[in-house]
């Protein structure tokens, strides 16, 4: 009985770490992967580096996309697109 009680705090630390650190990260990765696969031509996006543009072409073989910006067309990897900032960009403005 004493051996179990000595390991109980260590077990509790692992459980807390799983629910507050590991599980949310896994969920975020799953959501980002789903977002990247659901991208379509014409979507307005923002890259992780802050570049705004509109998707012109999606490459299925090399997992890339061509983005039209004010400076021209650029080719990016789908993983360079920011899910959070792109969702904020596409939310319609609420009138007061």
PDB file of N, CA and C in Angstrom:
ATOM      1  N   UNK A   1       0.821  -1.188   0.000  1.00  0.00           N
ATOM      2  CA  UNK A   1       0.000   0.000   0.000  1.00  0.00           C
ATOM      3  C   UNK A   1       0.869   1.257   0.000  1.00  0.00           C
ATOM      4  N   UNK A   2       1.984   1.221   0.702  1.00  0.00           N
ATOM      5  CA  UNK A   2       2.883   2.372   0.782  1.00  0.00           C
ATOM      6  C   UNK A   2       3.559   2.651  -0.548  1.00  0.00           C
ATOM      7  N   UNK A   3       3.833   1.601  -1.344  1.00  0.00           N
ATOM      8  CA  UNK A   3       4.460   1.789  -2.654  1.00  0.00           C
ATOM      9  C   UNK A   3       3.541   2.540  -3.609  1.00  0.00           C
ATOM     10  N   UNK A   4       2.260   2.227  -3.589  1.00  0.00           N
ATOM     11  CA  UNK A   4       1.295   2.884  -4.477  1.00  0.00           C
ATOM     12  C   UNK A   4       1.154   4.363  -4.103  1.00  0.00           C
ATOM     13  N   UNK A   5       1.128   4.644  -2.808  1.00  0.00           N
ATOM     14  CA  UNK A   5       0.984   6.029  -2.370  1.00  0.00           C
ATOM     15  C   UNK A   5       2.204   6.866  -2.730  1.00  0.00           C
ATOM     16  N   UNK A   6       3.361   6.257  -2.802  1.00  0.00           N
ATOM     17  CA  UNK A   6       4.560   7.014  -3.167  1.00  0.00           C
ATOM     18  C   UNK A   6       4.585   7.332  -4.670  1.00  0.00           C
ATOM     19  N   UNK A   7       3.941   6.504  -5.495  1.00  0.00           N
ATOM     20  CA  UNK A   7       3.885   6.757  -6.936  1.00  0.00           C
ATOM     21  C   UNK A   7       2.658   7.564  -7.353  1.00  0.00           C
ATOM     22  N   UNK A   8       1.704   7.741  -6.459  1.00  0.00           N
ATOM     23  CA  UNK A   8       0.475   8.459  -6.783  1.00  0.00           C
ATOM     24  C   UNK A   8       0.719   9.899  -7.255  1.00  0.00           C
ATOM     25  N   UNK A   9       1.587  10.679  -6.614  1.00  0.00           N
ATOM     26  CA  UNK A   9       1.837  12.036  -7.132  1.00  0.00           C
ATOM     27  C   UNK A   9       2.438  12.038  -8.546  1.00  0.00           C
ATOM     28  N   UNK A  10       3.306  11.086  -8.828  1.00  0.00           N
ATOM     29  CA  UNK A  10       3.922  10.993 -10.151  1.00  0.00           C
ATOM     30  C   UNK A  10       2.872  10.634 -11.206  1.00  0.00           C
ATOM     31  N   UNK A  11       1.992   9.725 -10.889  1.00  0.00           N
ATOM     32  CA  UNK A  11       0.910   9.347 -11.806  1.00  0.00           C
ATOM     33  C   UNK A  11      -0.010  10.536 -12.041  1.00  0.00           C
ATOM     34  N   UNK A  12      -0.327  11.265 -10.996  1.00  0.00           N
ATOM     35  CA  UNK A  12      -1.188  12.432 -11.100  1.00  0.00           C
ATOM     36  C   UNK A  12      -0.563  13.506 -11.995  1.00  0.00           C
ATOM     37  N   UNK A  13       0.746  13.695 -11.911  1.00  0.00           N
ATOM     38  CA  UNK A  13       1.443  14.659 -12.763  1.00  0.00           C
ATOM     39  C   UNK A  13       1.318  14.261 -14.230  1.00  0.00           C
ATOM     40  N   UNK A  14       1.479  12.990 -14.546  1.00  0.00           N
ATOM     41  CA  UNK A  14       1.352  12.528 -15.926  1.00  0.00           C
ATOM     42  C   UNK A  14      -0.072  12.696 -16.453  1.00  0.00           C
ATOM     43  N   UNK A  15      -1.064  12.433 -15.625  1.00  0.00           N
ATOM     44  CA  UNK A  15      -2.461  12.592 -16.036  1.00  0.00           C
ATOM     45  C   UNK A  15      -2.762  14.061 -16.321  1.00  0.00           C
ATOM     46  N   UNK A  16      -2.330  14.943 -15.442  1.00  0.00           N
ATOM     47  CA  UNK A  16      -2.561  16.379 -15.636  1.00  0.00           C
ATOM     48  C   UNK A  16      -1.830  16.859 -16.890  1.00  0.00           C
ATOM     49  N   UNK A  17      -0.600  16.431 -17.095  1.00  0.00           N
ATOM     50  CA  UNK A  17       0.162  16.825 -18.279  1.00  0.00           C
ATOM     51  C   UNK A  17      -0.531  16.350 -19.549  1.00  0.00           C
ATOM     52  N   UNK A  18      -1.098  15.164 -19.540  1.00  0.00           N
ATOM     53  CA  UNK A  18      -1.798  14.653 -20.721  1.00  0.00           C
ATOM     54  C   UNK A  18      -3.006  15.523 -21.052  1.00  0.00           C
ATOM     55  N   UNK A  19      -3.843  15.821 -20.059  1.00  0.00           N
ATOM     56  CA  UNK A  19      -5.077  16.551 -20.328  1.00  0.00           C
ATOM     57  C   UNK A  19      -4.866  18.043 -20.589  1.00  0.00           C
ATOM     58  N   UNK A  20      -3.802  18.628 -20.073  1.00  0.00           N
ATOM     59  CA  UNK A  20      -3.589  20.057 -20.269  1.00  0.00           C
ATOM     60  C   UNK A  20      -2.540  20.395 -21.320  1.00  0.00           C
ATOM     61  N   UNK A  21      -1.726  19.431 -21.752  1.00  0.00           N
ATOM     62  CA  UNK A  21      -0.680  19.739 -22.721  1.00  0.00           C
ATOM     63  C   UNK A  21      -0.737  18.851 -23.959  1.00  0.00           C
ATOM     64  N   UNK A  22      -0.758  17.563 -23.791  1.00  0.00           N
ATOM     65  CA  UNK A  22      -0.654  16.646 -24.924  1.00  0.00           C
ATOM     66  C   UNK A  22      -1.955  16.576 -25.716  1.00  0.00           C
ATOM     67  N   UNK A  23      -3.067  16.400 -25.047  1.00  0.00           N
ATOM     68  CA  UNK A  23      -4.364  16.243 -25.721  1.00  0.00           C
ATOM     69  C   UNK A  23      -4.767  17.496 -26.519  1.00  0.00           C
ATOM     70  N   UNK A  24      -4.656  18.707 -25.964  1.00  0.00           N
ATOM     71  CA  UNK A  24      -4.995  19.887 -26.770  1.00  0.00           C
ATOM     72  C   UNK A  24      -4.103  20.065 -28.002  1.00  0.00           C
ATOM     73  N   UNK A  25      -2.819  19.714 -27.877  1.00  0.00           N
ATOM     74  CA  UNK A  25      -1.909  19.816 -29.016  1.00  0.00           C
ATOM     75  C   UNK A  25      -2.309  18.841 -30.120  1.00  0.00           C
ATOM     76  N   UNK A  26      -2.703  17.634 -29.748  1.00  0.00           N
ATOM     77  CA  UNK A  26      -3.150  16.646 -30.729  1.00  0.00           C
ATOM     78  C   UNK A  26      -4.413  17.133 -31.439  1.00  0.00           C
ATOM     79  N   UNK A  27      -5.323  17.753 -30.688  1.00  0.00           N
ATOM     80  CA  UNK A  27      -6.563  18.275 -31.275  1.00  0.00           C
ATOM     81  C   UNK A  27      -6.252  19.414 -32.247  1.00  0.00           C
ATOM     82  N   UNK A  28      -5.338  20.294 -31.881  1.00  0.00           N
ATOM     83  CA  UNK A  28      -4.951  21.404 -32.744  1.00  0.00           C
ATOM     84  C   UNK A  28      -4.340  20.896 -34.044  1.00  0.00           C
ATOM     85  N   UNK A  29      -3.470  19.880 -33.960  1.00  0.00           N
ATOM     86  CA  UNK A  29      -2.860  19.323 -35.154  1.00  0.00           C
ATOM     87  C   UNK A  29      -3.906  18.692 -36.061  1.00  0.00           C
ATOM     88  N   UNK A  30      -4.879  18.019 -35.479  1.00  0.00           N
ATOM     89  CA  UNK A  30      -5.957  17.402 -36.250  1.00  0.00           C
ATOM     90  C   UNK A  30      -6.781  18.474 -36.962  1.00  0.00           C
ATOM     91  N   UNK A  31      -7.096  19.570 -36.266  1.00  0.00           N
ATOM     92  CA  UNK A  31      -7.867  20.667 -36.856  1.00  0.00           C
ATOM     93  C   UNK A  31      -7.094  21.340 -37.990  1.00  0.00           C
ATOM     94  N   UNK A  32      -5.787  21.542 -37.820  1.00  0.00           N
ATOM     95  CA  UNK A  32      -4.975  22.169 -38.859  1.00  0.00           C
ATOM     96  C   UNK A  32      -4.888  21.289 -40.102  1.00  0.00           C
ATOM     97  N   UNK A  33      -4.782  19.985 -39.908  1.00  0.00           N
ATOM     98  CA  UNK A  33      -4.732  19.062 -41.036  1.00  0.00           C
ATOM     99  C   UNK A  33      -6.059  19.088 -41.794  1.00  0.00           C
ATOM    100  N   UNK A  34      -7.166  19.119 -41.056  1.00  0.00           N
ATOM    101  CA  UNK A  34      -8.491  19.186 -41.682  1.00  0.00           C
ATOM    102  C   UNK A  34      -8.649  20.493 -42.448  1.00  0.00           C
ATOM    103  N   UNK A  35      -8.197  21.604 -41.872  1.00  0.00           N
ATOM    104  CA  UNK A  35      -8.261  22.916 -42.524  1.00  0.00           C
ATOM    105  C   UNK A  35      -7.479  22.897 -43.834  1.00  0.00           C
ATOM    106  N   UNK A  36      -6.283  22.324 -43.816  1.00  0.00           N
ATOM    107  CA  UNK A  36      -5.436  22.293 -45.011  1.00  0.00           C
ATOM    108  C   UNK A  36      -6.061  21.450 -46.119  1.00  0.00           C
ATOM    109  N   UNK A  37      -6.747  20.378 -45.766  1.00  0.00           N
ATOM    110  CA  UNK A  37      -7.368  19.531 -46.790  1.00  0.00           C
ATOM    111  C   UNK A  37      -8.655  20.145 -47.331  1.00  0.00           C
ATOM    112  N   UNK A  38      -9.301  21.022 -46.559  1.00  0.00           N
ATOM    113  CA  UNK A  38     -10.557  21.633 -46.990  1.00  0.00           C
ATOM    114  C   UNK A  38     -10.367  22.934 -47.759  1.00  0.00           C
ATOM    115  N   UNK A  39      -9.132  23.367 -47.957  1.00  0.00           N
ATOM    116  CA  UNK A  39      -8.891  24.589 -48.727  1.00  0.00           C
ATOM    117  C   UNK A  39      -9.387  24.396 -50.153  1.00  0.00           C
ATOM    118  N   UNK A  40      -9.933  25.457 -50.724  1.00  0.00           N
ATOM    119  CA  UNK A  40     -10.422  25.379 -52.094  1.00  0.00           C
ATOM    120  C   UNK A  40     -10.047  26.650 -52.848  1.00  0.00           C
ATOM    121  N   UNK A  41     -10.139  26.573 -54.142  1.00  0.00           N
ATOM    122  CA  UNK A  41      -9.803  27.685 -55.008  1.00  0.00           C
ATOM    123  C   UNK A  41     -10.712  28.873 -54.691  1.00  0.00           C
ATOM    124  N   UNK A  42     -10.131  30.060 -54.545  1.00  0.00           N
ATOM    125  CA  UNK A  42     -10.889  31.263 -54.263  1.00  0.00           C
ATOM    126  C   UNK A  42     -10.920  31.656 -52.794  1.00  0.00           C
ATOM    127  N   UNK A  43     -10.447  30.794 -51.895  1.00  0.00           N
ATOM    128  CA  UNK A  43     -10.419  31.119 -50.464  1.00  0.00           C
ATOM    129  C   UNK A  43      -9.413  32.239 -50.199  1.00  0.00           C
ATOM    130  N   UNK A  44      -9.805  33.179 -49.365  1.00  0.00           N
ATOM    131  CA  UNK A  44      -8.888  34.225 -48.907  1.00  0.00           C
ATOM    132  C   UNK A  44      -8.162  33.695 -47.688  1.00  0.00           C
ATOM    133  N   UNK A  45      -6.835  33.813 -47.694  1.00  0.00           N
ATOM    134  CA  UNK A  45      -6.027  33.235 -46.613  1.00  0.00           C
ATOM    135  C   UNK A  45      -4.941  34.213 -46.174  1.00  0.00           C
ATOM    136  N   UNK A  46      -4.333  33.874 -45.033  1.00  0.00           N
ATOM    137  CA  UNK A  46      -3.152  34.574 -44.530  1.00  0.00           C
ATOM    138  C   UNK A  46      -2.118  33.507 -44.190  1.00  0.00           C
ATOM    139  N   UNK A  47      -0.890  33.699 -44.655  1.00  0.00           N
ATOM    140  CA  UNK A  47       0.157  32.737 -44.323  1.00  0.00           C
ATOM    141  C   UNK A  47       0.677  33.010 -42.917  1.00  0.00           C
ATOM    142  N   UNK A  48       1.442  32.087 -42.384  1.00  0.00           N
ATOM    143  CA  UNK A  48       2.000  32.251 -41.039  1.00  0.00           C
ATOM    144  C   UNK A  48       2.979  33.419 -40.972  1.00  0.00           C
ATOM    145  N   UNK A  49       3.522  33.810 -42.114  1.00  0.00           N
ATOM    146  CA  UNK A  49       4.433  34.960 -42.143  1.00  0.00           C
ATOM    147  C   UNK A  49       3.689  36.284 -42.316  1.00  0.00           C
ATOM    148  N   UNK A  50       2.355  36.221 -42.506  1.00  0.00           N
ATOM    149  CA  UNK A  50       1.548  37.434 -42.573  1.00  0.00           C
ATOM    150  C   UNK A  50       1.173  37.881 -43.973  1.00  0.00           C
ATOM    151  N   UNK A  51       1.433  37.080 -44.994  1.00  0.00           N
ATOM    152  CA  UNK A  51       1.118  37.438 -46.371  1.00  0.00           C
ATOM    153  C   UNK A  51      -0.360  37.153 -46.652  1.00  0.00           C
ATOM    154  N   UNK A  52      -1.095  38.161 -47.118  1.00  0.00           N
ATOM    155  CA  UNK A  52      -2.511  38.017 -47.454  1.00  0.00           C
ATOM    156  C   UNK A  52      -2.638  37.674 -48.928  1.00  0.00           C
ATOM    157  N   UNK A  53      -3.612  36.817 -49.248  1.00  0.00           N
ATOM    158  CA  UNK A  53      -3.819  36.485 -50.648  1.00  0.00           C
ATOM    159  C   UNK A  53      -5.045  35.624 -50.858  1.00  0.00           C
ATOM    160  N   UNK A  54      -5.234  35.223 -52.111  1.00  0.00           N
ATOM    161  CA  UNK A  54      -6.360  34.380 -52.494  1.00  0.00           C
ATOM    162  C   UNK A  54      -5.802  33.162 -53.219  1.00  0.00           C
ATOM    163  N   UNK A  55      -6.319  31.996 -52.919  1.00  0.00           N
ATOM    164  CA  UNK A  55      -5.830  30.762 -53.530  1.00  0.00           C
ATOM    165  C   UNK A  55      -6.278  30.701 -54.982  1.00  0.00           C
ATOM    166  N   UNK A  56      -5.317  30.506 -55.883  1.00  0.00           N
ATOM    167  CA  UNK A  56      -5.611  30.403 -57.307  1.00  0.00           C
ATOM    168  C   UNK A  56      -5.569  28.953 -57.782  1.00  0.00           C
ATOM    169  N   UNK A  57      -4.610  28.166 -57.282  1.00  0.00           N
ATOM    170  CA  UNK A  57      -4.458  26.769 -57.681  1.00  0.00           C
ATOM    171  C   UNK A  57      -4.057  25.939 -56.468  1.00  0.00           C
ATOM    172  N   UNK A  58      -4.496  24.694 -56.445  1.00  0.00           N
ATOM    173  CA  UNK A  58      -4.098  23.762 -55.402  1.00  0.00           C
ATOM    174  C   UNK A  58      -3.417  22.568 -56.050  1.00  0.00           C
ATOM    175  N   UNK A  59      -2.198  22.275 -55.617  1.00  0.00           N
ATOM    176  CA  UNK A  59      -1.476  21.121 -56.136  1.00  0.00           C
ATOM    177  C   UNK A  59      -1.659  19.932 -55.210  1.00  0.00           C
ATOM    178  N   UNK A  60      -2.239  18.865 -55.709  1.00  0.00           N
ATOM    179  CA  UNK A  60      -2.482  17.685 -54.875  1.00  0.00           C
ATOM    180  C   UNK A  60      -1.239  16.812 -54.738  1.00  0.00           C
ATOM    181  N   UNK A  61      -0.383  16.797 -55.757  1.00  0.00           N
ATOM    182  CA  UNK A  61       0.789  15.927 -55.725  1.00  0.00           C
ATOM    183  C   UNK A  61       1.850  16.409 -54.750  1.00  0.00           C
ATOM    184  N   UNK A  62       2.149  17.707 -54.774  1.00  0.00           N
ATOM    185  CA  UNK A  62       3.217  18.228 -53.922  1.00  0.00           C
ATOM    186  C   UNK A  62       2.694  19.015 -52.722  1.00  0.00           C
ATOM    187  N   UNK A  63       1.384  18.969 -52.471  1.00  0.00           N
ATOM    188  CA  UNK A  63       0.763  19.596 -51.291  1.00  0.00           C
ATOM    189  C   UNK A  63       1.056  21.097 -51.238  1.00  0.00           C
ATOM    190  N   UNK A  64       0.983  21.737 -52.399  1.00  0.00           N
ATOM    191  CA  UNK A  64       1.269  23.166 -52.474  1.00  0.00           C
ATOM    192  C   UNK A  64       0.050  23.915 -52.983  1.00  0.00           C
ATOM    193  N   UNK A  65       0.138  25.240 -52.942  1.00  0.00           N
ATOM    194  CA  UNK A  65      -0.923  26.068 -53.499  1.00  0.00           C
ATOM    195  C   UNK A  65      -0.300  27.348 -54.047  1.00  0.00           C
ATOM    196  N   UNK A  66      -0.942  27.884 -55.073  1.00  0.00           N
ATOM    197  CA  UNK A  66      -0.505  29.138 -55.668  1.00  0.00           C
ATOM    198  C   UNK A  66      -1.429  30.224 -55.133  1.00  0.00           C
ATOM    199  N   UNK A  67      -0.823  31.269 -54.566  1.00  0.00           N
ATOM    200  CA  UNK A  67      -1.574  32.351 -53.939  1.00  0.00           C
ATOM    201  C   UNK A  67      -1.374  33.622 -54.752  1.00  0.00           C
ATOM    202  N   UNK A  68      -2.486  34.293 -55.062  1.00  0.00           N
ATOM    203  CA  UNK A  68      -2.413  35.568 -55.763  1.00  0.00           C
ATOM    204  C   UNK A  68      -2.394  36.683 -54.730  1.00  0.00           C
ATOM    205  N   UNK A  69      -1.388  37.536 -54.815  1.00  0.00           N
ATOM    206  CA  UNK A  69      -1.257  38.684 -53.918  1.00  0.00           C
ATOM    207  C   UNK A  69      -1.217  39.951 -54.765  1.00  0.00           C
ATOM    208  N   UNK A  70      -1.091  41.082 -54.119  1.00  0.00           N
ATOM    209  CA  UNK A  70      -0.967  42.347 -54.855  1.00  0.00           C
ATOM    210  C   UNK A  70       0.335  42.390 -55.656  1.00  0.00           C
ATOM    211  N   UNK A  71       1.350  41.621 -55.247  1.00  0.00           N
ATOM    212  CA  UNK A  71       2.637  41.614 -55.921  1.00  0.00           C
ATOM    213  C   UNK A  71       2.721  40.583 -57.040  1.00  0.00           C
ATOM    214  N   UNK A  72       1.737  39.703 -57.149  1.00  0.00           N
ATOM    215  CA  UNK A  72       1.761  38.662 -58.163  1.00  0.00           C
ATOM    216  C   UNK A  72       1.362  37.328 -57.561  1.00  0.00           C
ATOM    217  N   UNK A  73       1.757  36.260 -58.245  1.00  0.00           N
ATOM    218  CA  UNK A  73       1.423  34.912 -57.779  1.00  0.00           C
ATOM    219  C   UNK A  73       2.641  34.280 -57.116  1.00  0.00           C
ATOM    220  N   UNK A  74       2.395  33.628 -55.980  1.00  0.00           N
ATOM    221  CA  UNK A  74       3.455  32.959 -55.230  1.00  0.00           C
ATOM    222  C   UNK A  74       3.024  31.542 -54.920  1.00  0.00           C
ATOM    223  N   UNK A  75       3.986  30.628 -54.892  1.00  0.00           N
ATOM    224  CA  UNK A  75       3.696  29.227 -54.580  1.00  0.00           C
ATOM    225  C   UNK A  75       4.135  28.941 -53.149  1.00  0.00           C
ATOM    226  N   UNK A  76       3.206  28.397 -52.342  1.00  0.00           N
ATOM    227  CA  UNK A  76       3.470  28.080 -50.946  1.00  0.00           C
ATOM    228  C   UNK A  76       3.066  26.642 -50.650  1.00  0.00           C
ATOM    229  N   UNK A  77       3.646  26.107 -49.612  1.00  0.00           N
ATOM    230  CA  UNK A  77       3.219  24.821 -49.074  1.00  0.00           C
ATOM    231  C   UNK A  77       1.956  25.058 -48.246  1.00  0.00           C
ATOM    232  N   UNK A  78       1.050  24.118 -48.253  1.00  0.00           N
ATOM    233  CA  UNK A  78      -0.203  24.288 -47.509  1.00  0.00           C
ATOM    234  C   UNK A  78       0.035  24.448 -46.008  1.00  0.00           C
ATOM    235  N   UNK A  79       1.105  23.889 -45.499  1.00  0.00           N
ATOM    236  CA  UNK A  79       1.384  24.004 -44.067  1.00  0.00           C
ATOM    237  C   UNK A  79       1.796  25.423 -43.676  1.00  0.00           C
ATOM    238  N   UNK A  80       2.093  26.295 -44.655  1.00  0.00           N
ATOM    239  CA  UNK A  80       2.469  27.681 -44.371  1.00  0.00           C
ATOM    240  C   UNK A  80       1.258  28.572 -44.164  1.00  0.00           C
ATOM    241  N   UNK A  81       0.053  28.039 -44.358  1.00  0.00           N
ATOM    242  CA  UNK A  81      -1.157  28.833 -44.209  1.00  0.00           C
ATOM    243  C   UNK A  81      -1.624  28.768 -42.767  1.00  0.00           C
ATOM    244  N   UNK A  82      -1.896  29.920 -42.191  1.00  0.00           N
ATOM    245  CA  UNK A  82      -2.324  30.013 -40.798  1.00  0.00           C
ATOM    246  C   UNK A  82      -3.826  29.775 -40.691  1.00  0.00           C
ATOM    247  N   UNK A  83      -4.205  28.779 -39.927  1.00  0.00           N
ATOM    248  CA  UNK A  83      -5.614  28.446 -39.757  1.00  0.00           C
ATOM    249  C   UNK A  83      -6.341  29.546 -38.984  1.00  0.00           C
ATOM    250  N   UNK A  84      -5.777  29.998 -37.866  1.00  0.00           N
ATOM    251  CA  UNK A  84      -6.454  30.965 -37.009  1.00  0.00           C
ATOM    252  C   UNK A  84      -6.659  32.307 -37.710  1.00  0.00           C
ATOM    253  N   UNK A  85      -5.607  32.826 -38.340  1.00  0.00           N
ATOM    254  CA  UNK A  85      -5.714  34.131 -38.985  1.00  0.00           C
ATOM    255  C   UNK A  85      -6.618  34.077 -40.213  1.00  0.00           C
ATOM    256  N   UNK A  86      -6.619  32.973 -40.949  1.00  0.00           N
ATOM    257  CA  UNK A  86      -7.469  32.846 -42.124  1.00  0.00           C
ATOM    258  C   UNK A  86      -8.937  32.768 -41.735  1.00  0.00           C
ATOM    259  N   UNK A  87      -9.227  32.102 -40.633  1.00  0.00           N
ATOM    260  CA  UNK A  87     -10.615  32.029 -40.171  1.00  0.00           C
ATOM    261  C   UNK A  87     -11.101  33.410 -39.743  1.00  0.00           C
ATOM    262  N   UNK A  88     -10.261  34.195 -39.075  1.00  0.00           N
ATOM    263  CA  UNK A  88     -10.632  35.553 -38.665  1.00  0.00           C
ATOM    264  C   UNK A  88     -10.862  36.442 -39.881  1.00  0.00           C
ATOM    265  N   UNK A  89     -10.078  36.234 -40.932  1.00  0.00           N
ATOM    266  CA  UNK A  89     -10.202  37.024 -42.152  1.00  0.00           C
ATOM    267  C   UNK A  89     -11.542  36.761 -42.836  1.00  0.00           C
ATOM    268  N   UNK A  90     -12.025  35.531 -42.814  1.00  0.00           N
ATOM    269  CA  UNK A  90     -13.231  35.147 -43.537  1.00  0.00           C
ATOM    270  C   UNK A  90     -14.505  35.285 -42.728  1.00  0.00           C
ATOM    271  N   UNK A  91     -14.422  35.748 -41.486  1.00  0.00           N
ATOM    272  CA  UNK A  91     -15.622  35.982 -40.680  1.00  0.00           C
ATOM    273  C   UNK A  91     -16.272  37.277 -41.155  1.00  0.00           C
ATOM    274  N   UNK A  92     -17.576  37.245 -41.485  1.00  0.00           N
ATOM    275  CA  UNK A  92     -18.221  38.473 -41.940  1.00  0.00           C
ATOM    276  C   UNK A  92     -18.302  39.514 -40.826  1.00  0.00           C
ATOM    277  N   UNK A  93     -18.197  40.775 -41.197  1.00  0.00           N
ATOM    278  CA  UNK A  93     -18.250  41.869 -40.224  1.00  0.00           C
ATOM    279  C   UNK A  93     -19.670  41.985 -39.664  1.00  0.00           C
ATOM    280  N   UNK A  94     -19.774  42.232 -38.377  1.00  0.00           N
ATOM    281  CA  UNK A  94     -21.062  42.387 -37.712  1.00  0.00           C
ATOM    282  C   UNK A  94     -21.402  43.865 -37.653  1.00  0.00           C
ATOM    283  N   UNK A  95     -22.598  44.225 -38.128  1.00  0.00           N
ATOM    284  CA  UNK A  95     -23.016  45.624 -38.091  1.00  0.00           C
ATOM    285  C   UNK A  95     -23.576  45.959 -36.723  1.00  0.00           C
ATOM    286  N   UNK A  96     -23.248  47.160 -36.245  1.00  0.00           N
ATOM    287  CA  UNK A  96     -23.707  47.598 -34.922  1.00  0.00           C
ATOM    288  C   UNK A  96     -24.954  48.432 -35.045  1.00  0.00           C
TER     289      UNK A  96
END
